[in-house]
Amino acid sequence: MSNRQKTICLEHQCVEDQATPVGMVCPHCKHRLYTNPPQGNVMSFWESQPVAYSLKQEPCFAYSLMWENYRIRSVHLPQNDLVAEESSPMESHS
């Protein structure tokens, strides 16, 4: 299993698994970046308030890439939620 942090595009509700010059984005955002490039300089920043909480009540923060006419917002899931917990041993009932 990969140790990369999983990110979700807040606009399209898709996993960000497409590489671009500005980083990983979802397939819809990648299409937009290449077919209708945003105008102006890109700014990137973390939003100061959590946008969601994991099932373990850990805060999930949003990261934004923003141009004059386009914005990509991503939610970053806590690393702990990406690793499947070890299952308990199976017991035989025979």
C-alpha atoms as a PDB file:
ATOM      1  CA  MET A   1       0.000   0.000   0.000  1.00  0.00           C
ATOM      2  CA  SER A   2       1.250   3.483  -0.836  1.00  0.00           C
ATOM      3  CA  ASN A   3       2.140   5.903   1.955  1.00  0.00           C
ATOM      4  CA  ARG A   4       0.969   8.899  -0.093  1.00  0.00           C
ATOM      5  CA  GLN A   5      -1.674  11.005   1.559  1.00  0.00           C
ATOM      6  CA  LYS A   6      -5.074  10.671  -0.065  1.00  0.00           C
ATOM      7  CA  THR A   7      -6.681  13.891  -1.248  1.00  0.00           C
ATOM      8  CA  ILE A   8     -10.197  14.488  -2.535  1.00  0.00           C
ATOM      9  CA  CYS A   9     -11.286  17.316  -4.839  1.00  0.00           C
ATOM     10  CA  LEU A  10     -14.047  19.221  -3.037  1.00  0.00           C
ATOM     11  CA  GLU A  11     -15.585  20.484  -6.289  1.00  0.00           C
ATOM     12  CA  HIS A  12     -15.918  17.128  -8.049  1.00  0.00           C
ATOM     13  CA  GLN A  13     -15.755  14.694  -5.089  1.00  0.00           C
ATOM     14  CA  CYS A  14     -13.050  12.664  -6.881  1.00  0.00           C
ATOM     15  CA  VAL A  15      -9.702  11.287  -5.750  1.00  0.00           C
ATOM     16  CA  GLU A  16      -6.838  13.491  -6.880  1.00  0.00           C
ATOM     17  CA  ASP A  17      -4.691  11.000  -8.773  1.00  0.00           C
ATOM     18  CA  GLN A  18      -3.693  12.973 -11.882  1.00  0.00           C
ATOM     19  CA  ALA A  19      -0.234  14.587 -12.075  1.00  0.00           C
ATOM     20  CA  THR A  20       0.016  18.183 -13.360  1.00  0.00           C
ATOM     21  CA  PRO A  21       2.644  20.946 -13.138  1.00  0.00           C
ATOM     22  CA  VAL A  22       0.791  22.341 -10.073  1.00  0.00           C
ATOM     23  CA  GLY A  23       0.550  18.973  -8.313  1.00  0.00           C
ATOM     24  CA  MET A  24      -1.971  16.164  -8.070  1.00  0.00           C
ATOM     25  CA  VAL A  25      -5.537  17.004  -9.118  1.00  0.00           C
ATOM     26  CA  CYS A  26      -8.706  15.097 -10.002  1.00  0.00           C
ATOM     27  CA  PRO A  27      -9.403  14.094 -13.641  1.00  0.00           C
ATOM     28  CA  HIS A  28     -11.991  16.896 -14.076  1.00  0.00           C
ATOM     29  CA  CYS A  29      -9.635  19.609 -12.816  1.00  0.00           C
ATOM     30  CA  LYS A  30      -6.803  18.251 -14.985  1.00  0.00           C
ATOM     31  CA  HIS A  31      -9.070  18.478 -18.036  1.00  0.00           C
ATOM     32  CA  ARG A  32      -9.927  22.096 -17.148  1.00  0.00           C
ATOM     33  CA  LEU A  33      -6.260  23.013 -16.571  1.00  0.00           C
ATOM     34  CA  TYR A  34      -5.250  21.711 -20.000  1.00  0.00           C
ATOM     35  CA  THR A  35      -8.271  22.739 -22.111  1.00  0.00           C
ATOM     36  CA  ASN A  36      -8.954  26.167 -20.580  1.00  0.00           C
ATOM     37  CA  PRO A  37      -5.889  27.233 -18.552  1.00  0.00           C
ATOM     38  CA  PRO A  38      -6.633  29.553 -15.613  1.00  0.00           C
ATOM     39  CA  GLN A  39      -5.622  33.217 -15.842  1.00  0.00           C
ATOM     40  CA  GLY A  40      -3.013  34.918 -13.652  1.00  0.00           C
ATOM     41  CA  ASN A  41      -0.498  33.639 -11.151  1.00  0.00           C
ATOM     42  CA  VAL A  42      -1.318  30.662  -8.974  1.00  0.00           C
ATOM     43  CA  MET A  43      -1.452  31.065  -5.196  1.00  0.00           C
ATOM     44  CA  SER A  44      -1.521  28.098  -2.845  1.00  0.00           C
ATOM     45  CA  PHE A  45      -2.489  27.999   0.811  1.00  0.00           C
ATOM     46  CA  TRP A  46      -3.925  25.867   3.604  1.00  0.00           C
ATOM     47  CA  GLU A  47      -7.294  26.936   4.967  1.00  0.00           C
ATOM     48  CA  SER A  48      -7.122  27.611   8.686  1.00  0.00           C
ATOM     49  CA  GLN A  49     -10.329  25.831   9.713  1.00  0.00           C
ATOM     50  CA  PRO A  50     -11.050  22.114   9.190  1.00  0.00           C
ATOM     51  CA  VAL A  51     -13.568  21.426   6.419  1.00  0.00           C
ATOM     52  CA  ALA A  52     -14.484  18.011   7.815  1.00  0.00           C
ATOM     53  CA  TYR A  53     -13.605  15.441  10.449  1.00  0.00           C
ATOM     54  CA  SER A  54     -12.598  11.822   9.939  1.00  0.00           C
ATOM     55  CA  LEU A  55     -14.481   8.926  11.489  1.00  0.00           C
ATOM     56  CA  LYS A  56     -11.822   9.031  14.221  1.00  0.00           C
ATOM     57  CA  GLN A  57     -12.671  12.712  14.855  1.00  0.00           C
ATOM     58  CA  GLU A  58      -9.394  13.958  13.362  1.00  0.00           C
ATOM     59  CA  PRO A  59      -9.600  17.296  11.522  1.00  0.00           C
ATOM     60  CA  CYS A  60      -9.360  17.271   7.719  1.00  0.00           C
ATOM     61  CA  PHE A  61      -7.934  20.484   6.305  1.00  0.00           C
ATOM     62  CA  ALA A  62      -8.406  21.952   2.832  1.00  0.00           C
ATOM     63  CA  TYR A  63      -5.610  23.064   0.531  1.00  0.00           C
ATOM     64  CA  SER A  64      -6.347  25.590  -2.205  1.00  0.00           C
ATOM     65  CA  LEU A  65      -4.745  26.404  -5.525  1.00  0.00           C
ATOM     66  CA  MET A  66      -6.203  29.713  -6.694  1.00  0.00           C
ATOM     67  CA  TRP A  67      -5.919  31.750  -9.869  1.00  0.00           C
ATOM     68  CA  GLU A  68      -7.866  34.877 -10.897  1.00  0.00           C
ATOM     69  CA  ASN A  69     -10.659  32.831 -12.460  1.00  0.00           C
ATOM     70  CA  TYR A  70     -10.323  29.300 -11.081  1.00  0.00           C
ATOM     71  CA  ARG A  71      -9.842  27.545  -7.755  1.00  0.00           C
ATOM     72  CA  ILE A  72      -9.055  23.950  -6.828  1.00  0.00           C
ATOM     73  CA  ARG A  73      -9.865  22.951  -3.237  1.00  0.00           C
ATOM     74  CA  SER A  74      -8.716  19.612  -1.858  1.00  0.00           C
ATOM     75  CA  VAL A  75      -9.487  17.916   1.416  1.00  0.00           C
ATOM     76  CA  HIS A  76      -6.533  16.057   2.898  1.00  0.00           C
ATOM     77  CA  LEU A  77      -7.524  12.961   4.820  1.00  0.00           C
ATOM     78  CA  PRO A  78      -5.543  12.054   7.945  1.00  0.00           C
ATOM     79  CA  GLN A  79      -2.798   9.502   7.280  1.00  0.00           C
ATOM     80  CA  ASN A  80      -4.290   7.112   9.867  1.00  0.00           C
ATOM     81  CA  ASP A  81      -7.515   6.750   7.869  1.00  0.00           C
ATOM     82  CA  LEU A  82      -5.625   5.440   4.850  1.00  0.00           C
ATOM     83  CA  VAL A  83      -4.177   2.329   6.431  1.00  0.00           C
ATOM     84  CA  ALA A  84      -6.551  -0.560   6.899  1.00  0.00           C
ATOM     85  CA  GLU A  85      -6.617  -1.698  10.465  1.00  0.00           C
ATOM     86  CA  GLU A  86      -5.454  -5.233  11.047  1.00  0.00           C
ATOM     87  CA  SER A  87      -8.395  -7.562  11.179  1.00  0.00           C
ATOM     88  CA  SER A  88      -8.911  -9.739  14.188  1.00  0.00           C
ATOM     89  CA  PRO A  89      -8.053 -13.410  13.824  1.00  0.00           C
ATOM     90  CA  MET A  90     -10.886 -15.559  12.558  1.00  0.00           C
ATOM     91  CA  GLU A  91     -12.353 -17.996  15.006  1.00  0.00           C
ATOM     92  CA  SER A  92     -13.572 -21.377  13.961  1.00  0.00           C
ATOM     93  CA  HIS A  93     -17.103 -22.231  15.014  1.00  0.00           C
ATOM     94  CA  SER A  94     -17.093 -25.824  13.803  1.00  0.00           C
END
